[in-house]
Amino acid sequence: MKLGAFEELVLLAVGSLGEEAYGVTVKETLQQKMGKSPSIGALHSALYRLEDKGCVTSEEGGATTERGGRRKKFYKLTAYGITMLEEANQLRMEFARQVPGLNLSTE
């Protein structure tokens, strides 16, 4: 099963946030890294697809008065999600190594 480009970014955001990965924080992280804000509908669609694929699990947190009694849904990267990110990165690196003159060194 392959990841779409947006799904890959959402999965990276979930993984980088750890225990604090829920809709708003994932959206803010994507906005900071991408420089543009995805719609909340697109974000939740991607999160549902990632959960269906087994790349993330979700768990509802406690209801808070600041959210009008609504619960936050927290997402967590699974071992399969990590494998999918590793495979996506490997594919990107294989392509990148074939581009003449491209220097991917981070030093």
N, C-alpha and C. Protein backbone atom coordinates (compact mmCIF):
# COMPACT_ATOMS: atom_id res chain seq x y z
N MET A 1 0.84 -1.18 0.00
CA MET A 1 0.00 0.00 0.00
C MET A 1 0.89 1.24 0.00
N LYS A 2 0.58 2.19 -0.83
CA LYS A 2 1.39 3.40 -0.96
C LYS A 2 0.73 4.57 -0.25
N LEU A 3 1.56 5.55 0.07
CA LEU A 3 1.08 6.78 0.67
C LEU A 3 1.01 7.86 -0.39
N GLY A 4 -0.03 8.69 -0.33
CA GLY A 4 -0.07 9.89 -1.15
C GLY A 4 0.87 10.93 -0.55
N ALA A 5 1.23 11.93 -1.32
CA ALA A 5 2.18 12.95 -0.84
C ALA A 5 1.64 13.67 0.39
N PHE A 6 0.36 14.03 0.38
CA PHE A 6 -0.20 14.72 1.55
C PHE A 6 -0.29 13.78 2.75
N GLU A 7 -0.66 12.53 2.49
CA GLU A 7 -0.70 11.55 3.58
C GLU A 7 0.67 11.39 4.22
N GLU A 8 1.70 11.39 3.41
CA GLU A 8 3.06 11.25 3.94
C GLU A 8 3.39 12.43 4.86
N LEU A 9 3.03 13.64 4.45
CA LEU A 9 3.30 14.82 5.28
C LEU A 9 2.51 14.76 6.59
N VAL A 10 1.25 14.34 6.50
CA VAL A 10 0.43 14.22 7.71
C VAL A 10 1.02 13.17 8.64
N LEU A 11 1.46 12.07 8.08
CA LEU A 11 2.06 11.00 8.88
C LEU A 11 3.35 11.49 9.56
N LEU A 12 4.15 12.25 8.85
CA LEU A 12 5.37 12.82 9.44
C LEU A 12 5.01 13.79 10.57
N ALA A 13 3.97 14.60 10.37
CA ALA A 13 3.54 15.53 11.42
C ALA A 13 3.07 14.78 12.66
N VAL A 14 2.28 13.73 12.46
CA VAL A 14 1.81 12.93 13.60
C VAL A 14 3.00 12.34 14.35
N GLY A 15 3.94 11.78 13.62
CA GLY A 15 5.12 11.19 14.25
C GLY A 15 5.96 12.21 14.99
N SER A 16 6.11 13.39 14.42
CA SER A 16 6.95 14.41 15.06
C SER A 16 6.29 15.00 16.30
N LEU A 17 4.96 14.96 16.37
CA LEU A 17 4.24 15.53 17.52
C LEU A 17 4.15 14.57 18.70
N GLY A 18 4.33 13.29 18.46
CA GLY A 18 4.26 12.31 19.55
C GLY A 18 2.90 12.32 20.24
N GLU A 19 2.90 12.49 21.56
CA GLU A 19 1.66 12.41 22.35
C GLU A 19 0.73 13.59 22.12
N GLU A 20 1.18 14.63 21.46
CA GLU A 20 0.38 15.84 21.26
C GLU A 20 -0.22 15.92 19.85
N ALA A 21 -0.33 14.80 19.17
CA ALA A 21 -0.84 14.81 17.79
C ALA A 21 -2.36 14.71 17.77
N TYR A 22 -3.02 15.81 17.56
CA TYR A 22 -4.47 15.83 17.30
C TYR A 22 -4.71 16.85 16.20
N GLY A 23 -5.93 16.95 15.71
CA GLY A 23 -6.23 17.73 14.53
C GLY A 23 -5.57 19.10 14.47
N VAL A 24 -5.76 19.90 15.52
CA VAL A 24 -5.25 21.28 15.51
C VAL A 24 -3.72 21.31 15.47
N THR A 25 -3.07 20.47 16.28
CA THR A 25 -1.60 20.51 16.30
C THR A 25 -1.00 19.99 15.00
N VAL A 26 -1.65 18.98 14.41
CA VAL A 26 -1.17 18.47 13.12
C VAL A 26 -1.31 19.57 12.07
N LYS A 27 -2.45 20.25 12.07
CA LYS A 27 -2.68 21.34 11.11
C LYS A 27 -1.65 22.47 11.30
N GLU A 28 -1.39 22.85 12.55
CA GLU A 28 -0.40 23.91 12.82
C GLU A 28 1.00 23.49 12.39
N THR A 29 1.35 22.24 12.63
CA THR A 29 2.68 21.75 12.23
C THR A 29 2.82 21.77 10.71
N LEU A 30 1.79 21.33 10.01
CA LEU A 30 1.83 21.36 8.54
C LEU A 30 1.94 22.80 8.05
N GLN A 31 1.22 23.69 8.69
CA GLN A 31 1.26 25.10 8.30
C GLN A 31 2.66 25.68 8.49
N GLN A 32 3.30 25.35 9.61
CA GLN A 32 4.65 25.84 9.87
C GLN A 32 5.65 25.29 8.86
N LYS A 33 5.55 24.02 8.55
CA LYS A 33 6.53 23.39 7.67
C LYS A 33 6.28 23.66 6.20
N MET A 34 5.00 23.76 5.79
CA MET A 34 4.66 23.91 4.38
C MET A 34 4.45 25.37 3.99
N GLY A 35 4.16 26.22 4.96
CA GLY A 35 3.88 27.61 4.65
C GLY A 35 2.47 27.86 4.15
N LYS A 36 1.64 26.85 4.19
CA LYS A 36 0.23 27.03 3.84
C LYS A 36 -0.59 26.09 4.70
N SER A 37 -1.84 26.48 4.89
CA SER A 37 -2.68 25.75 5.82
C SER A 37 -3.66 24.84 5.08
N PRO A 38 -3.58 23.54 5.35
CA PRO A 38 -4.54 22.64 4.72
C PRO A 38 -5.92 22.84 5.35
N SER A 39 -6.97 22.54 4.60
CA SER A 39 -8.31 22.64 5.19
C SER A 39 -8.46 21.53 6.23
N ILE A 40 -9.28 21.81 7.24
CA ILE A 40 -9.48 20.81 8.29
C ILE A 40 -10.15 19.57 7.71
N GLY A 41 -11.00 19.75 6.68
CA GLY A 41 -11.64 18.61 6.04
C GLY A 41 -10.63 17.71 5.34
N ALA A 42 -9.70 18.32 4.62
CA ALA A 42 -8.66 17.54 3.93
C ALA A 42 -7.78 16.82 4.94
N LEU A 43 -7.48 17.51 6.04
CA LEU A 43 -6.64 16.91 7.07
C LEU A 43 -7.33 15.70 7.69
N HIS A 44 -8.59 15.86 8.08
CA HIS A 44 -9.30 14.75 8.71
C HIS A 44 -9.50 13.59 7.72
N SER A 45 -9.73 13.89 6.46
CA SER A 45 -9.85 12.81 5.46
C SER A 45 -8.55 12.02 5.39
N ALA A 46 -7.43 12.73 5.39
CA ALA A 46 -6.12 12.05 5.34
C ALA A 46 -5.90 11.22 6.61
N LEU A 47 -6.27 11.77 7.77
CA LEU A 47 -6.10 11.02 9.02
C LEU A 47 -6.97 9.76 9.02
N TYR A 48 -8.21 9.86 8.52
CA TYR A 48 -9.07 8.67 8.45
C TYR A 48 -8.48 7.63 7.51
N ARG A 49 -7.96 8.07 6.35
CA ARG A 49 -7.35 7.12 5.41
C ARG A 49 -6.13 6.45 6.04
N LEU A 50 -5.33 7.24 6.74
CA LEU A 50 -4.13 6.67 7.38
C LEU A 50 -4.51 5.67 8.46
N GLU A 51 -5.60 5.94 9.15
CA GLU A 51 -6.07 4.99 10.16
C GLU A 51 -6.59 3.72 9.49
N ASP A 52 -7.32 3.86 8.39
CA ASP A 52 -7.82 2.69 7.65
C ASP A 52 -6.67 1.84 7.12
N LYS A 53 -5.58 2.49 6.73
CA LYS A 53 -4.41 1.78 6.21
C LYS A 53 -3.56 1.16 7.31
N GLY A 54 -3.84 1.51 8.56
CA GLY A 54 -3.08 0.96 9.68
C GLY A 54 -1.81 1.74 10.00
N CYS A 55 -1.69 2.94 9.47
CA CYS A 55 -0.50 3.75 9.70
C CYS A 55 -0.57 4.54 11.01
N VAL A 56 -1.78 4.82 11.48
CA VAL A 56 -1.97 5.51 12.76
C VAL A 56 -3.10 4.83 13.51
N THR A 57 -3.09 5.02 14.82
CA THR A 57 -4.23 4.65 15.65
C THR A 57 -4.74 5.93 16.29
N SER A 58 -5.98 5.90 16.75
CA SER A 58 -6.52 7.09 17.40
C SER A 58 -7.17 6.72 18.72
N GLU A 59 -7.22 7.73 19.58
CA GLU A 59 -7.83 7.54 20.89
C GLU A 59 -8.40 8.89 21.32
N GLU A 60 -9.60 8.87 21.85
CA GLU A 60 -10.20 10.12 22.30
C GLU A 60 -9.70 10.48 23.68
N GLY A 61 -9.39 11.77 23.86
CA GLY A 61 -8.99 12.27 25.16
C GLY A 61 -10.22 12.67 25.95
N GLY A 62 -10.00 13.22 27.13
CA GLY A 62 -11.12 13.63 27.98
C GLY A 62 -11.77 14.91 27.46
N ALA A 63 -13.04 15.08 27.78
CA ALA A 63 -13.77 16.29 27.40
C ALA A 63 -13.28 17.46 28.24
N THR A 64 -13.18 18.62 27.63
CA THR A 64 -12.73 19.81 28.36
C THR A 64 -13.77 20.92 28.21
N THR A 65 -13.85 21.76 29.22
CA THR A 65 -14.80 22.88 29.16
C THR A 65 -14.36 23.90 28.12
N GLU A 66 -13.04 24.04 27.92
CA GLU A 66 -12.54 25.01 26.93
C GLU A 66 -12.95 24.63 25.52
N ARG A 67 -13.26 23.37 25.30
CA ARG A 67 -13.70 22.91 23.98
C ARG A 67 -15.21 22.64 23.97
N GLY A 68 -15.90 23.21 24.96
CA GLY A 68 -17.35 23.04 25.01
C GLY A 68 -17.78 21.61 25.27
N GLY A 69 -16.97 20.87 26.01
CA GLY A 69 -17.30 19.49 26.33
C GLY A 69 -16.91 18.49 25.26
N ARG A 70 -16.32 18.98 24.16
CA ARG A 70 -15.89 18.06 23.09
C ARG A 70 -14.56 17.42 23.46
N ARG A 71 -14.35 16.27 22.89
CA ARG A 71 -13.10 15.54 23.14
C ARG A 71 -12.13 15.75 21.98
N LYS A 72 -10.85 15.70 22.30
CA LYS A 72 -9.81 15.72 21.26
C LYS A 72 -9.56 14.27 20.85
N LYS A 73 -9.29 14.08 19.58
CA LYS A 73 -8.93 12.75 19.08
C LYS A 73 -7.43 12.75 18.80
N PHE A 74 -6.71 11.99 19.60
CA PHE A 74 -5.25 11.94 19.47
C PHE A 74 -4.84 10.79 18.55
N TYR A 75 -3.83 11.07 17.74
CA TYR A 75 -3.33 10.09 16.78
C TYR A 75 -1.92 9.67 17.15
N LYS A 76 -1.63 8.41 16.86
CA LYS A 76 -0.31 7.87 17.18
C LYS A 76 0.20 7.05 15.99
N LEU A 77 1.44 7.26 15.66
CA LEU A 77 2.09 6.52 14.58
C LEU A 77 2.24 5.05 14.97
N THR A 78 1.92 4.12 14.06
CA THR A 78 2.09 2.69 14.32
C THR A 78 3.43 2.21 13.74
N ALA A 79 3.79 0.99 14.07
CA ALA A 79 5.01 0.39 13.50
C ALA A 79 4.87 0.31 11.98
N TYR A 80 3.66 -0.01 11.50
CA TYR A 80 3.43 -0.05 10.04
C TYR A 80 3.58 1.34 9.43
N GLY A 81 3.12 2.36 10.14
CA GLY A 81 3.28 3.74 9.67
C GLY A 81 4.74 4.12 9.54
N ILE A 82 5.55 3.70 10.50
CA ILE A 82 6.99 3.96 10.44
C ILE A 82 7.59 3.25 9.22
N THR A 83 7.20 2.01 9.00
CA THR A 83 7.68 1.26 7.83
C THR A 83 7.30 1.98 6.54
N MET A 84 6.07 2.47 6.46
CA MET A 84 5.62 3.19 5.26
C MET A 84 6.45 4.45 5.03
N LEU A 85 6.78 5.18 6.11
CA LEU A 85 7.62 6.37 5.97
C LEU A 85 9.03 6.01 5.51
N GLU A 86 9.56 4.92 6.04
CA GLU A 86 10.90 4.48 5.63
C GLU A 86 10.91 4.10 4.15
N GLU A 87 9.89 3.40 3.70
CA GLU A 87 9.81 3.01 2.29
C GLU A 87 9.65 4.24 1.39
N ALA A 88 8.84 5.19 1.81
CA ALA A 88 8.65 6.41 1.01
C ALA A 88 9.96 7.18 0.91
N ASN A 89 10.69 7.27 2.02
CA ASN A 89 11.97 7.97 2.01
C ASN A 89 12.99 7.26 1.13
N GLN A 90 13.02 5.94 1.19
CA GLN A 90 13.95 5.17 0.36
C GLN A 90 13.66 5.40 -1.12
N LEU A 91 12.40 5.41 -1.49
CA LEU A 91 12.02 5.65 -2.89
C LEU A 91 12.46 7.04 -3.33
N ARG A 92 12.22 8.03 -2.50
CA ARG A 92 12.63 9.41 -2.84
C ARG A 92 14.15 9.50 -3.01
N MET A 93 14.88 8.86 -2.12
CA MET A 93 16.34 8.93 -2.19
C MET A 93 16.86 8.22 -3.44
N GLU A 94 16.24 7.10 -3.82
CA GLU A 94 16.66 6.39 -5.04
C GLU A 94 16.48 7.29 -6.26
N PHE A 95 15.34 7.97 -6.33
CA PHE A 95 15.11 8.90 -7.44
C PHE A 95 16.10 10.05 -7.40
N ALA A 96 16.30 10.62 -6.23
CA ALA A 96 17.15 11.80 -6.09
C ALA A 96 18.59 11.50 -6.50
N ARG A 97 19.09 10.30 -6.17
CA ARG A 97 20.46 9.93 -6.52
C ARG A 97 20.67 9.87 -8.03
N GLN A 98 19.59 9.74 -8.78
CA GLN A 98 19.68 9.66 -10.24
C GLN A 98 19.60 11.03 -10.91
N VAL A 99 19.43 12.08 -10.13
CA VAL A 99 19.34 13.42 -10.70
C VAL A 99 20.75 14.01 -10.78
N PRO A 100 21.27 14.22 -12.00
CA PRO A 100 22.62 14.77 -12.14
C PRO A 100 22.74 16.15 -11.49
N GLY A 101 23.80 16.34 -10.72
CA GLY A 101 24.08 17.64 -10.13
C GLY A 101 23.32 17.93 -8.86
N LEU A 102 22.45 17.03 -8.43
CA LEU A 102 21.69 17.27 -7.20
C LEU A 102 22.53 16.85 -6.00
N ASN A 103 22.78 17.76 -5.09
CA ASN A 103 23.56 17.48 -3.88
C ASN A 103 22.61 17.47 -2.70
N LEU A 104 22.43 16.32 -2.10
CA LEU A 104 21.51 16.19 -0.97
C LEU A 104 22.21 16.20 0.37
N SER A 105 23.49 16.55 0.36
CA SER A 105 24.23 16.59 1.61
C SER A 105 23.64 17.64 2.54
N THR A 106 23.51 17.31 3.82
CA THR A 106 22.98 18.25 4.80
C THR A 106 24.09 18.92 5.60
N GLU A 107 25.33 18.67 5.25
CA GLU A 107 26.45 19.26 5.97
C GLU A 107 26.80 20.62 5.42
